Protein backbone atom coordinates (compact mmCIF):
# COMPACT_ATOMS: atom_id res chain seq x y z
CA MET A 1 26.94 161.02 180.26
CA THR A 2 23.33 162.09 180.74
CA GLU A 3 21.67 162.80 184.08
CA ASN A 4 19.63 159.63 183.75
CA GLN A 5 22.73 157.54 183.08
CA ILE A 6 24.39 158.98 186.18
CA GLU A 7 21.34 158.15 188.30
CA SER A 8 21.11 154.56 186.96
CA LYS A 9 24.82 153.91 187.46
CA ALA A 10 25.26 151.26 190.26
CA GLU A 11 27.01 152.35 193.37
CA ARG A 12 30.44 150.76 193.65
CA ALA A 13 31.14 148.86 196.82
CA VAL A 14 34.09 147.24 198.61
CA LEU A 15 33.14 144.11 200.61
CA VAL A 16 34.86 143.46 203.93
CA GLY A 17 34.73 140.47 206.24
CA LEU A 18 36.40 139.48 209.51
CA SER A 19 36.99 135.92 210.75
CA CYS A 20 38.01 135.33 214.38
CA PRO A 21 38.47 132.01 216.26
CA GLY A 22 36.06 133.16 219.03
CA PHE A 23 33.18 134.07 216.65
CA THR A 24 30.06 131.95 216.39
CA ALA A 25 28.89 130.85 212.93
CA GLU A 26 26.42 133.73 212.91
CA GLN A 27 29.19 136.25 213.68
CA ASP A 28 31.97 134.91 211.45
CA ALA A 29 32.70 135.70 207.83
CA ASP A 30 34.11 133.17 205.32
CA GLU A 31 34.30 132.74 201.54
CA ARG A 32 30.70 131.45 201.36
CA THR A 33 29.18 134.28 203.41
CA MET A 34 31.24 136.82 201.45
CA ASP A 35 29.80 135.45 198.17
CA GLU A 36 26.35 135.81 199.70
CA LEU A 37 27.23 139.41 200.69
CA ARG A 38 28.14 140.06 197.05
CA ALA A 39 24.68 138.77 195.99
CA LEU A 40 23.04 140.99 198.65
CA ALA A 41 24.96 143.97 197.36
CA GLU A 42 23.83 143.34 193.80
CA THR A 43 20.26 142.89 194.98
CA ALA A 44 20.49 146.30 196.76
CA GLY A 45 21.67 147.87 193.50
CA ALA A 46 25.43 148.07 194.21
CA GLU A 47 28.33 146.66 192.20
CA ALA A 48 30.93 144.77 194.28
CA VAL A 49 34.23 145.95 192.82
CA ALA A 50 36.65 144.57 195.44
CA MET A 51 36.57 142.11 198.36
CA THR A 52 38.85 141.52 201.37
CA LEU A 53 38.55 138.89 204.14
CA GLN A 54 40.65 139.40 207.19
CA ARG A 55 41.58 136.86 209.88
CA ARG A 56 42.71 138.03 213.30
CA PRO A 57 42.61 136.70 216.89
CA ALA A 58 39.83 139.11 217.99
CA PRO A 59 38.00 142.16 216.60
CA ASP A 60 39.43 145.60 217.31
CA ALA A 61 37.19 147.43 219.77
CA ARG A 62 37.48 150.76 217.99
CA THR A 63 37.51 149.91 214.28
CA PHE A 64 36.59 146.18 214.22
CA ILE A 65 39.31 145.39 211.67
CA GLY A 66 42.15 147.58 213.05
CA GLU A 67 43.39 150.93 211.79
CA GLY A 68 46.03 149.35 209.48
CA LYS A 69 43.41 147.21 207.74
CA ALA A 70 41.03 150.18 207.60
CA GLU A 71 43.75 152.15 205.72
CA GLU A 72 44.07 149.17 203.28
CA VAL A 73 40.30 149.27 202.71
CA LYS A 74 40.49 152.99 202.07
CA ALA A 75 43.22 152.50 199.44
CA LEU A 76 41.17 149.70 197.92
CA ALA A 77 38.09 151.95 197.73
CA GLU A 78 40.11 154.80 196.16
CA ALA A 79 41.74 152.50 193.59
CA ASN A 80 38.31 151.15 192.56
CA GLU A 81 36.40 154.45 192.84
CA ALA A 82 34.06 152.86 195.43
CA SER A 83 31.84 155.09 197.59
CA LEU A 84 30.41 152.32 199.78
CA ILE A 85 32.00 149.84 202.26
CA LEU A 86 29.88 146.76 203.09
CA PHE A 87 30.77 144.52 206.07
CA ASP A 88 29.70 140.93 206.29
CA ASN A 89 29.73 141.17 210.08
CA GLU A 90 27.64 143.27 212.45
CA LEU A 91 29.25 146.49 213.56
CA SER A 92 28.59 148.64 216.68
CA PRO A 93 27.49 152.23 215.98
CA SER A 94 30.85 153.60 217.26
CA GLN A 95 32.78 151.17 215.03
CA THR A 96 30.71 152.26 211.99
CA ARG A 97 31.33 155.91 212.76
CA ASN A 98 35.10 155.45 213.40
CA LEU A 99 35.42 153.52 210.08
CA GLU A 100 33.58 156.20 208.16
CA GLU A 101 35.96 158.84 209.67
CA LEU A 102 39.00 156.77 208.73
CA ILE A 103 37.93 155.67 205.27
CA GLY A 104 35.89 158.71 204.28
CA ARG A 105 33.06 156.64 202.79
CA THR A 106 29.65 155.26 203.84
CA VAL A 107 29.99 152.01 205.93
CA LEU A 108 27.09 149.59 206.24
CA ASP A 109 27.02 146.23 208.04
CA ARG A 110 25.14 143.15 206.82
CA SER A 111 22.01 143.91 208.89
CA ALA A 112 21.73 147.49 207.50
CA LEU A 113 22.16 146.14 203.97
CA ILE A 114 19.40 143.56 204.39
CA LEU A 115 17.14 146.24 205.84
CA ASP A 116 17.79 148.40 202.80
CA ILE A 117 16.82 145.51 200.47
CA PHE A 118 13.67 144.84 202.46
CA ALA A 119 12.71 148.55 202.22
CA GLN A 120 13.10 148.37 198.42
CA ARG A 121 11.14 145.10 198.10
CA ALA A 122 8.10 145.69 200.35
CA ARG A 123 4.97 146.32 198.24
CA THR A 124 1.93 145.89 200.44
CA GLY A 125 0.97 148.02 203.42
CA GLU A 126 1.72 145.13 205.73
CA GLY A 127 5.21 144.60 204.21
CA LYS A 128 6.04 148.28 204.62
CA LEU A 129 4.91 148.25 208.27
CA GLN A 130 7.16 145.27 208.93
CA VAL A 131 10.16 146.92 207.27
CA GLU A 132 9.66 150.16 209.24
CA LEU A 133 9.42 148.23 212.50
CA ALA A 134 12.62 146.29 211.72
CA GLN A 135 14.43 149.53 210.86
CA TYR A 136 13.43 151.24 214.12
CA GLN A 137 14.34 148.13 216.15
CA TYR A 138 17.76 148.26 214.48
CA ILE A 139 18.23 151.95 215.15
CA LEU A 140 17.00 152.15 218.79
CA PRO A 141 19.93 150.29 220.54
CA ARG A 142 22.39 152.21 218.32
CA LEU A 143 21.17 155.68 219.19
CA ALA A 144 23.54 156.07 222.12
CA GLY A 145 26.50 155.30 219.85
CA MET A 146 25.27 157.77 217.28
CA TRP A 147 25.21 160.52 219.90
CA THR A 148 28.57 159.81 221.62
CA HIS A 149 30.15 162.58 219.58
CA LEU A 150 28.12 164.99 221.77
CA VAL A 151 29.53 163.38 224.93
CA ARG A 152 33.05 163.74 223.52
CA GLN A 153 32.45 167.44 222.88
CA THR A 154 31.28 167.85 226.47
CA ALA A 155 34.28 166.07 227.92
CA GLY A 156 36.71 168.07 225.77
CA GLY A 157 35.18 171.50 226.29
CA GLY A 158 33.96 171.14 229.81
CA LYS A 159 30.40 172.25 228.94
CA SER A 160 27.34 170.76 227.32
CA PRO A 161 26.93 171.27 223.52
CA ILE A 162 24.37 173.78 222.35
CA GLY A 163 20.90 172.27 222.38
CA THR A 164 21.56 169.70 225.11
CA ARG A 165 21.52 171.99 228.17
CA GLY A 166 18.66 172.99 230.44
CA PRO A 167 15.86 171.22 232.28
CA GLY A 168 14.29 169.77 229.14
CA GLU A 169 15.00 166.40 227.47
CA THR A 170 18.30 165.88 225.60
CA GLN A 171 18.00 165.20 221.88
CA LEU A 172 18.95 161.57 222.49
CA GLU A 173 16.15 161.15 225.04
CA THR A 174 13.67 162.84 222.66
CA ASP A 175 14.71 160.56 219.81
CA ARG A 176 14.42 157.43 221.93
CA ARG A 177 10.99 158.41 223.18
CA HIS A 178 9.79 159.17 219.62
CA ILE A 179 11.15 155.85 218.26
CA ARG A 180 9.67 153.81 221.15
CA LYS A 181 6.27 155.42 220.52
CA ARG A 182 6.51 154.63 216.81
CA ILE A 183 7.57 151.05 217.55
CA ASP A 184 4.52 150.60 219.83
CA LYS A 185 2.24 152.02 217.09
CA LEU A 186 3.75 149.72 214.44
CA LYS A 187 3.39 146.69 216.73
CA ALA A 188 -0.25 147.58 217.34
CA ASP A 189 -0.89 147.94 213.56
CA LEU A 190 0.79 144.58 212.93
CA GLU A 191 -1.29 142.96 215.68
CA GLN A 192 -4.36 144.07 213.74
CA VAL A 193 -2.90 142.40 210.67
CA ARG A 194 -2.43 139.20 212.67
CA GLN A 195 -6.05 139.34 213.81
CA VAL A 196 -7.29 139.74 210.23
CA ARG A 197 -5.11 136.74 209.29
CA ALA A 198 -6.58 134.76 212.16
CA VAL A 199 -10.11 135.46 210.81
CA GLN A 200 -8.94 134.44 207.31
CA ARG A 201 -7.53 131.20 208.76
CA ARG A 202 -10.78 130.35 210.47
CA GLN A 203 -12.63 130.95 207.20
CA ARG A 204 -10.16 128.70 205.41
CA LYS A 205 -10.74 125.98 208.04
CA LYS A 206 -14.46 126.19 207.25
CA THR A 207 -13.71 125.48 203.58
CA GLU A 208 -11.68 122.43 204.82
CA LEU A 209 -8.87 123.17 202.40
CA PRO A 210 -5.50 122.30 203.93
CA MET A 211 -2.85 125.01 203.89
CA VAL A 212 0.53 124.08 202.39
CA ALA A 213 3.28 126.67 202.96
CA ILE A 214 6.36 126.86 200.70
CA VAL A 215 9.54 127.63 202.69
CA GLY A 216 13.21 127.68 201.70
CA TYR A 217 16.44 129.53 201.43
CA THR A 218 16.26 132.74 199.47
CA ASN A 219 16.52 132.19 195.69
CA ALA A 220 15.83 128.44 196.07
CA GLY A 221 12.98 128.61 193.51
CA LYS A 222 9.92 128.95 195.77
CA SER A 223 8.13 131.49 193.61
CA THR A 224 8.97 129.55 190.41
CA LEU A 225 7.38 126.47 191.99
CA LEU A 226 4.23 128.37 193.02
CA ASN A 227 3.96 129.73 189.47
CA THR A 228 4.43 126.25 187.98
CA LEU A 229 1.80 124.72 190.25
CA THR A 230 -0.84 127.51 190.14
CA ASP A 231 -0.02 129.94 187.29
CA ALA A 232 0.27 132.62 190.00
CA ASP A 233 2.36 134.82 187.71
CA ILE A 234 4.66 136.01 190.55
CA PRO A 235 7.89 137.62 189.29
CA ALA A 236 10.57 134.87 189.79
CA ASN A 237 13.88 136.75 189.48
CA ASP A 238 17.40 135.57 190.27
CA ARG A 239 17.57 137.98 193.18
CA LEU A 240 17.69 137.56 196.95
CA PHE A 241 14.57 138.39 199.01
CA ASP A 242 12.45 138.85 195.85
CA THR A 243 9.28 137.72 197.65
CA LEU A 244 8.48 139.76 200.80
CA ASP A 245 4.68 139.74 200.67
CA PRO A 246 2.97 136.35 200.92
CA THR A 247 0.92 134.99 198.00
CA THR A 248 -1.78 132.26 198.46
CA ARG A 249 -3.38 130.35 195.65
CA LYS A 250 -5.76 127.36 195.32
CA LYS A 251 -4.50 124.21 193.65
CA ARG A 252 -6.23 120.95 192.86
CA ILE A 253 -3.64 118.22 193.29
CA SER A 254 -5.91 115.29 192.43
CA ASP A 255 -9.54 114.54 191.63
CA THR A 256 -10.19 114.20 195.36
CA GLN A 257 -8.02 116.90 196.88
CA GLU A 258 -7.71 120.71 196.65
CA ILE A 259 -5.22 122.68 198.72
CA LEU A 260 -4.17 126.30 199.45
CA LEU A 261 -0.53 127.03 198.57
CA SER A 262 1.26 129.92 200.22
CA ASP A 263 4.66 131.44 199.32
CA THR A 264 6.90 132.96 202.02
CA VAL A 265 9.97 135.23 202.21
CA GLY A 266 13.26 133.42 201.65
CA PHE A 267 15.51 132.73 204.62
CA ILE A 268 19.21 133.51 204.76
CA ARG A 269 22.20 132.79 206.98
CA LYS A 270 22.99 135.48 209.55
CA LEU A 271 19.46 136.88 209.30
CA PRO A 272 19.18 139.55 212.04
CA HIS A 273 16.88 138.40 214.83
CA HIS A 274 14.86 141.62 214.79
CA LEU A 275 14.00 140.88 211.19
CA VAL A 276 12.56 137.49 212.12
CA SER A 277 10.44 139.08 214.86
CA ALA A 278 9.40 141.99 212.67
CA PHE A 279 8.22 139.63 209.91
CA LYS A 280 6.29 137.41 212.30
CA ALA A 281 2.97 138.51 210.86
CA THR A 282 3.98 136.97 207.51
CA LEU A 283 6.01 134.04 208.79
CA GLU A 284 3.54 133.04 211.50
CA GLU A 285 1.44 131.53 208.70
CA LEU A 286 3.94 128.65 208.88
CA ALA A 287 2.81 127.73 212.39
CA TYR A 288 -0.75 127.26 211.12
CA ALA A 289 0.11 125.27 207.98
CA ASP A 290 -0.93 121.67 207.57
CA LEU A 291 2.20 120.91 205.61
CA LEU A 292 5.50 122.62 204.76
CA LEU A 293 7.24 122.24 201.43
CA HIS A 294 10.89 122.90 202.15
CA VAL A 295 12.44 123.86 198.73
CA VAL A 296 16.15 123.29 198.43
CA ASP A 297 18.33 124.32 195.49
CA VAL A 298 20.43 121.15 195.09
CA SER A 299 22.52 122.74 192.35
CA ASP A 300 24.11 124.92 195.05
CA GLU A 301 27.12 123.27 196.71
CA ASP A 302 26.06 124.79 200.06
CA TRP A 303 22.49 123.49 199.91
CA ARG A 304 22.81 121.41 203.08
CA ILE A 305 23.96 124.41 205.14
CA GLN A 306 21.08 126.42 203.61
CA ALA A 307 18.57 123.69 204.48
CA GLU A 308 19.80 123.64 208.12
CA THR A 309 19.40 127.47 208.25
CA VAL A 310 15.78 127.17 207.10
CA GLU A 311 15.12 124.44 209.68
CA ARG A 312 16.48 126.69 212.45
CA VAL A 313 14.23 129.60 211.47
CA VAL A 314 11.22 127.32 211.19
CA ALA A 315 11.93 126.12 214.76
CA GLN A 316 12.20 129.76 215.90
CA LEU A 317 8.73 130.34 214.59
CA GLY A 318 7.31 127.32 216.45
CA ALA A 319 6.61 125.32 213.31
CA GLN A 320 9.18 122.53 213.81
CA ASP A 321 6.53 119.83 214.43
CA ILE A 322 4.56 120.47 211.25
CA PRO A 323 4.99 117.68 208.66
CA ARG A 324 7.13 118.62 205.77
CA VAL A 325 8.15 117.43 202.32
CA MET A 326 11.67 118.14 201.14
CA VAL A 327 11.58 119.41 197.56
CA TYR A 328 14.95 119.09 195.86
CA ASN A 329 14.69 121.78 193.16
CA LYS A 330 16.89 122.35 190.13
CA ALA A 331 17.51 118.60 189.99
CA ASP A 332 17.82 118.95 186.20
CA LYS A 333 21.26 120.53 186.87
CA CYS A 334 22.48 117.47 188.86
CA ALA A 335 22.99 113.78 188.17
CA PRO A 336 20.07 111.86 189.85
CA ASP A 337 22.47 109.72 191.93
CA THR A 338 24.40 112.73 193.28
CA ILE A 339 21.57 114.12 195.47
CA PRO A 340 22.28 113.05 199.05
CA TYR A 341 18.78 113.62 200.45
CA PHE A 342 18.45 115.78 203.59
CA ARG A 343 15.40 113.73 204.61
CA PRO A 344 15.57 110.49 202.56
CA ASP A 345 12.01 109.34 203.44
CA GLU A 346 10.39 112.61 202.48
CA GLY A 347 12.27 113.85 199.39
CA VAL A 348 11.12 114.58 195.89
CA ALA A 349 13.55 115.67 193.16
CA ILE A 350 12.06 118.24 190.80
CA SER A 351 12.74 121.08 188.41
CA ALA A 352 10.22 123.89 188.95
CA LYS A 353 11.43 125.49 185.77
CA THR A 354 11.00 122.45 183.37
CA GLY A 355 8.14 120.77 185.32
CA GLU A 356 10.18 117.56 185.86
CA GLY A 357 8.94 115.69 188.95
CA ILE A 358 5.88 117.85 189.57
CA ASP A 359 3.39 114.98 189.22
CA GLU A 360 5.37 112.95 191.84
CA LEU A 361 5.42 116.03 194.11
CA LEU A 362 1.62 116.34 193.92
CA LYS A 363 1.20 112.66 194.87
CA THR A 364 3.70 113.11 197.77
CA ILE A 365 1.75 116.17 199.03
CA GLU A 366 -1.51 114.22 198.96
CA ARG A 367 0.14 111.28 200.85
CA ALA A 368 1.71 113.62 203.42
CA LEU A 369 -1.62 115.37 204.10
CA GLY A 370 -3.25 111.95 204.64
CA ARG A 371 -6.45 113.41 203.21
CA GLY A 372 -8.48 113.07 200.05
CA LYS A 373 -7.59 109.41 199.57
CA HIS A 374 -10.96 107.77 199.10
CA ARG A 375 -14.07 108.79 197.28
CA VAL A 376 -16.93 106.85 198.80
CA ARG A 377 -20.66 106.36 198.41
CA LEU A 378 -22.37 105.60 201.73
CA LEU A 379 -25.87 104.59 202.84
CA ILE A 380 -26.27 105.77 206.45
CA PRO A 381 -29.40 104.62 208.33
CA TYR A 382 -31.46 107.40 209.77
CA SER A 383 -30.86 105.88 213.23
CA ASP A 384 -27.07 106.59 212.83
CA GLY A 385 -27.32 110.36 212.66
CA ALA A 386 -24.06 110.73 214.66
CA VAL A 387 -22.12 109.22 211.74
CA LEU A 388 -23.57 111.84 209.41
CA ASP A 389 -22.61 114.57 211.85
CA MET A 390 -19.01 113.18 212.00
CA LEU A 391 -18.83 113.19 208.18
CA HIS A 392 -19.83 116.87 208.07
CA ARG A 393 -16.96 117.63 210.45
CA GLU A 394 -14.25 115.27 209.10
CA ALA A 395 -14.95 114.72 205.39
CA GLN A 396 -15.52 116.62 202.17
CA ILE A 397 -19.17 115.94 201.28
CA GLU A 398 -19.94 116.22 197.64
CA SER A 399 -23.66 115.22 197.53
CA THR A 400 -26.49 114.17 199.83
CA ASP A 401 -29.65 112.35 198.90
CA TYR A 402 -32.41 110.57 200.81
CA ALA A 403 -33.74 107.04 200.36
CA ALA A 404 -36.23 104.85 202.30
CA GLU A 405 -33.36 103.06 204.13
CA GLY A 406 -31.35 106.16 205.07
CA THR A 407 -29.17 109.06 203.79
CA LEU A 408 -27.05 108.53 200.64
CA VAL A 409 -23.79 110.45 200.84
CA GLU A 410 -20.95 110.87 198.32
CA ALA A 411 -17.85 112.11 200.03
CA VAL A 412 -14.04 112.21 200.04
CA VAL A 413 -12.60 110.82 203.25
CA ASP A 414 -9.15 110.18 204.69
CA ASP A 415 -7.83 106.79 205.88
CA LYS A 416 -8.98 107.29 209.44
CA THR A 417 -12.53 108.26 208.45
CA TYR A 418 -12.65 105.53 205.85
CA GLY A 419 -12.13 102.93 208.58
CA ARG A 420 -15.01 104.37 210.61
CA VAL A 421 -17.49 104.40 207.73
CA ALA A 422 -16.51 101.24 205.79
CA GLU A 423 -19.59 99.34 207.04
CA TYR A 424 -21.86 101.88 205.28
CA LEU A 425 -20.26 101.51 201.78
CA THR A 426 -22.81 100.92 199.06
CA GLU A 427 -22.82 100.55 195.30
CA ASP A 428 -26.46 101.75 194.94
């Protein structure tokens, strides 16, 4: 085997999950979340060669799964030549270290695995800042656990380990101070990014183009939909978290309406809270959108659980009151009468891959925005200048001309504005 072949060989991993009666849905592991962990492992570049799901009354304080089970996992790893152990649950630093000592292999929990994927996927400067912030926020509360081996040495030997004595800071305190300073710097940098985005949003408002944000569970087909609608040419791979950096494109959805479409990172069950906060600069775009397109993969048997997960994260970001259209993607893989709509009054069944249902989706977007419904020609008397001012604020003016009787305006108006200008309609 050549050196390149060795380097390209996927790391072999054993997947481990624990289910306990007292766990919340976010803490627990089951067959569905273990399948998702397998997909996460593959996305990170590992090959899942074995899987074990344990059920016990409560987690073991020292090793999470108990020493007996840890020995089983070790035997499983040896039999399958695995060098990596991936847990579907979140582990404490001391549990991670104790498991590594017992099993003799690298142990990562779900949060650490997701962080690794994010680090691989980030492309823009902003994305890399967000990943680094999330990693430091993950490490900081775990530092004490990482350094407890020094405390053990002190307790056993009756004296402080070399390098931790004297009037200066201990290594732990030094590390904490360094990480807190770095976190503050990253937050400041990301705040600048938010300010730039705020300026961009104000400029978009001036163009009067409504913002439509595409949201959905990871791998639901969001990037494929954006590509289909706008020829954005975004890589649409069958991998989790493939889109970390947002993409925005213009799209004319009818002869009277143009919109801005924005893609977002996919959501996932058991997404660590510090990741949601770290990615706020990207995800906060949702709170400023005029409409959300919630893309659901209806060919997945767990689509309803996935949709509820997305709704929860949207609420966390303060975007729960924004109007949305449910987009039931991959409908070509299902019988039409088998889709039990999540929101029956707002659903459109489509296939982003084949283009099926896209025309209906565009009409639904236009209806949901409540804009761009009427192209009108108006004759506004010079004495009614306030009406012209209102049109400049509320409508999309296409042309203005002047006649003896008043100002001739061609514009696209919504239902509300149409009612206010109906008396000025003219055929001339």
